[in-house]
Amino acid sequence: MQRKILTDKDDFFCSNIVDVSSYDELKIANSKGKWARGPWLARDEDKLKVKEETGASIRCFPFEQPQGIKACLMTGDPAEEVAIFAKSY
């Protein structure tokens, strides 16, 4: 029973997460009720902008981070981390 619940949760999570590389993509994913995963530089003013404009906030920084430097979805500056954004209900 517990294994089935865990499998269902993993399937739901994986099917509802979208990889994004820009703020516009984050807004689109968020408007569809999806979780957005993208490179993040972690600046407070950008985090507040996301929260104010979309209602989404950072849910977590996954333990398994992609290798290499990516461009921050907000600024385009080099970002080493990926964050997951979603609305809190």
C-alpha atoms as a PDB file:
ATOM      1  CA  MET A   1       0.000   0.000   0.000  1.00  0.00           C
ATOM      2  CA  GLN A   2       2.736   2.476   0.971  1.00  0.00           C
ATOM      3  CA  ARG A   3       4.770   1.589  -2.112  1.00  0.00           C
ATOM      4  CA  LYS A   4       1.733   2.332  -4.305  1.00  0.00           C
ATOM      5  CA  ILE A   5       1.227   5.712  -2.617  1.00  0.00           C
ATOM      6  CA  LEU A   6       4.909   6.594  -3.123  1.00  0.00           C
ATOM      7  CA  THR A   7       4.806   5.511  -6.766  1.00  0.00           C
ATOM      8  CA  ASP A   8       1.637   7.538  -7.389  1.00  0.00           C
ATOM      9  CA  LYS A   9       3.197  10.591  -5.737  1.00  0.00           C
ATOM     10  CA  ASP A  10       6.375  10.281  -7.834  1.00  0.00           C
ATOM     11  CA  ASP A  11       4.354   9.848 -11.029  1.00  0.00           C
ATOM     12  CA  PHE A  12       2.221  12.900 -10.214  1.00  0.00           C
ATOM     13  CA  PHE A  13       5.268  15.016  -9.360  1.00  0.00           C
ATOM     14  CA  CYS A  14       7.198  14.051 -12.497  1.00  0.00           C
ATOM     15  CA  SER A  15       4.232  14.663 -14.785  1.00  0.00           C
ATOM     16  CA  ASN A  16       3.566  18.111 -13.290  1.00  0.00           C
ATOM     17  CA  ILE A  17       7.047  19.625 -13.344  1.00  0.00           C
ATOM     18  CA  VAL A  18       8.257  21.724 -16.268  1.00  0.00           C
ATOM     19  CA  ASP A  19      11.866  22.684 -17.000  1.00  0.00           C
ATOM     20  CA  VAL A  20      12.074  26.402 -17.732  1.00  0.00           C
ATOM     21  CA  SER A  21      14.878  28.683 -18.862  1.00  0.00           C
ATOM     22  CA  SER A  22      13.146  32.075 -18.714  1.00  0.00           C
ATOM     23  CA  TYR A  23      10.781  34.023 -16.503  1.00  0.00           C
ATOM     24  CA  ASP A  24       8.117  33.965 -19.241  1.00  0.00           C
ATOM     25  CA  GLU A  25       8.281  30.156 -19.312  1.00  0.00           C
ATOM     26  CA  LEU A  26       7.971  30.104 -15.509  1.00  0.00           C
ATOM     27  CA  LYS A  27       4.829  32.268 -15.711  1.00  0.00           C
ATOM     28  CA  ILE A  28       3.291  30.008 -18.365  1.00  0.00           C
ATOM     29  CA  ALA A  29       4.013  26.841 -16.376  1.00  0.00           C
ATOM     30  CA  ASN A  30       2.651  28.472 -13.238  1.00  0.00           C
ATOM     31  CA  SER A  31      -0.550  29.596 -14.982  1.00  0.00           C
ATOM     32  CA  LYS A  32      -1.167  25.957 -15.958  1.00  0.00           C
ATOM     33  CA  GLY A  33      -0.783  24.780 -12.348  1.00  0.00           C
ATOM     34  CA  LYS A  34       2.596  23.158 -13.018  1.00  0.00           C
ATOM     35  CA  TRP A  35       5.786  23.334 -10.986  1.00  0.00           C
ATOM     36  CA  ALA A  36       8.618  25.177 -12.739  1.00  0.00           C
ATOM     37  CA  ARG A  37      12.231  23.995 -12.413  1.00  0.00           C
ATOM     38  CA  GLY A  38      14.918  26.351 -13.638  1.00  0.00           C
ATOM     39  CA  PRO A  39      18.361  27.886 -13.056  1.00  0.00           C
ATOM     40  CA  TRP A  40      18.337  30.393 -10.225  1.00  0.00           C
ATOM     41  CA  LEU A  41      20.817  32.976  -8.984  1.00  0.00           C
ATOM     42  CA  ALA A  42      18.873  33.423  -5.715  1.00  0.00           C
ATOM     43  CA  ARG A  43      18.583  37.189  -5.482  1.00  0.00           C
ATOM     44  CA  ASP A  44      15.976  38.413  -2.994  1.00  0.00           C
ATOM     45  CA  GLU A  45      14.534  41.100  -5.287  1.00  0.00           C
ATOM     46  CA  ASP A  46      13.942  38.511  -8.040  1.00  0.00           C
ATOM     47  CA  LYS A  47      12.330  36.116  -5.582  1.00  0.00           C
ATOM     48  CA  LEU A  48       9.938  38.874  -4.462  1.00  0.00           C
ATOM     49  CA  LYS A  49       9.080  39.742  -8.083  1.00  0.00           C
ATOM     50  CA  VAL A  50       8.158  36.117  -8.810  1.00  0.00           C
ATOM     51  CA  LYS A  51       5.996  35.960  -5.682  1.00  0.00           C
ATOM     52  CA  GLU A  52       4.235  39.281  -6.375  1.00  0.00           C
ATOM     53  CA  GLU A  53       3.576  38.654 -10.074  1.00  0.00           C
ATOM     54  CA  THR A  54       2.754  34.941 -10.100  1.00  0.00           C
ATOM     55  CA  GLY A  55       1.967  33.899  -6.539  1.00  0.00           C
ATOM     56  CA  ALA A  56       4.664  31.231  -6.832  1.00  0.00           C
ATOM     57  CA  SER A  57       7.638  30.845  -4.550  1.00  0.00           C
ATOM     58  CA  ILE A  58      10.631  28.574  -4.251  1.00  0.00           C
ATOM     59  CA  ARG A  59       9.507  25.195  -2.992  1.00  0.00           C
ATOM     60  CA  CYS A  60      12.969  23.634  -2.878  1.00  0.00           C
ATOM     61  CA  PHE A  61      16.457  23.357  -4.306  1.00  0.00           C
ATOM     62  CA  PRO A  62      16.724  19.717  -5.440  1.00  0.00           C
ATOM     63  CA  PHE A  63      19.554  17.662  -3.976  1.00  0.00           C
ATOM     64  CA  GLU A  64      20.434  16.443  -7.469  1.00  0.00           C
ATOM     65  CA  GLN A  65      21.603  19.571  -9.255  1.00  0.00           C
ATOM     66  CA  PRO A  66      22.592  19.597 -12.940  1.00  0.00           C
ATOM     67  CA  GLN A  67      26.283  19.943 -13.640  1.00  0.00           C
ATOM     68  CA  GLY A  68      27.725  23.151 -15.030  1.00  0.00           C
ATOM     69  CA  ILE A  69      26.728  26.765 -15.069  1.00  0.00           C
ATOM     70  CA  LYS A  70      23.357  27.738 -16.547  1.00  0.00           C
ATOM     71  CA  ALA A  71      21.825  31.170 -17.173  1.00  0.00           C
ATOM     72  CA  CYS A  72      19.527  32.397 -14.384  1.00  0.00           C
ATOM     73  CA  LEU A  73      15.933  32.376 -15.597  1.00  0.00           C
ATOM     74  CA  MET A  74      15.419  35.923 -14.277  1.00  0.00           C
ATOM     75  CA  THR A  75      18.662  37.746 -15.027  1.00  0.00           C
ATOM     76  CA  GLY A  76      20.585  35.642 -17.531  1.00  0.00           C
ATOM     77  CA  ASP A  77      23.582  35.795 -15.186  1.00  0.00           C
ATOM     78  CA  PRO A  78      25.506  32.569 -14.440  1.00  0.00           C
ATOM     79  CA  ALA A  79      23.626  30.338 -11.984  1.00  0.00           C
ATOM     80  CA  GLU A  80      24.943  27.146 -10.433  1.00  0.00           C
ATOM     81  CA  GLU A  81      21.692  26.080  -8.748  1.00  0.00           C
ATOM     82  CA  VAL A  82      18.294  24.983  -9.969  1.00  0.00           C
ATOM     83  CA  ALA A  83      15.185  25.858  -7.969  1.00  0.00           C
ATOM     84  CA  ILE A  84      11.631  24.576  -8.145  1.00  0.00           C
ATOM     85  CA  PHE A  85       8.835  27.163  -8.076  1.00  0.00           C
ATOM     86  CA  ALA A  86       5.149  26.595  -7.405  1.00  0.00           C
ATOM     87  CA  LYS A  87       2.138  28.167  -5.796  1.00  0.00           C
ATOM     88  CA  SER A  88       1.276  27.242  -2.252  1.00  0.00           C
ATOM     89  CA  TYR A  89      -2.345  26.227  -1.762  1.00  0.00           C
END
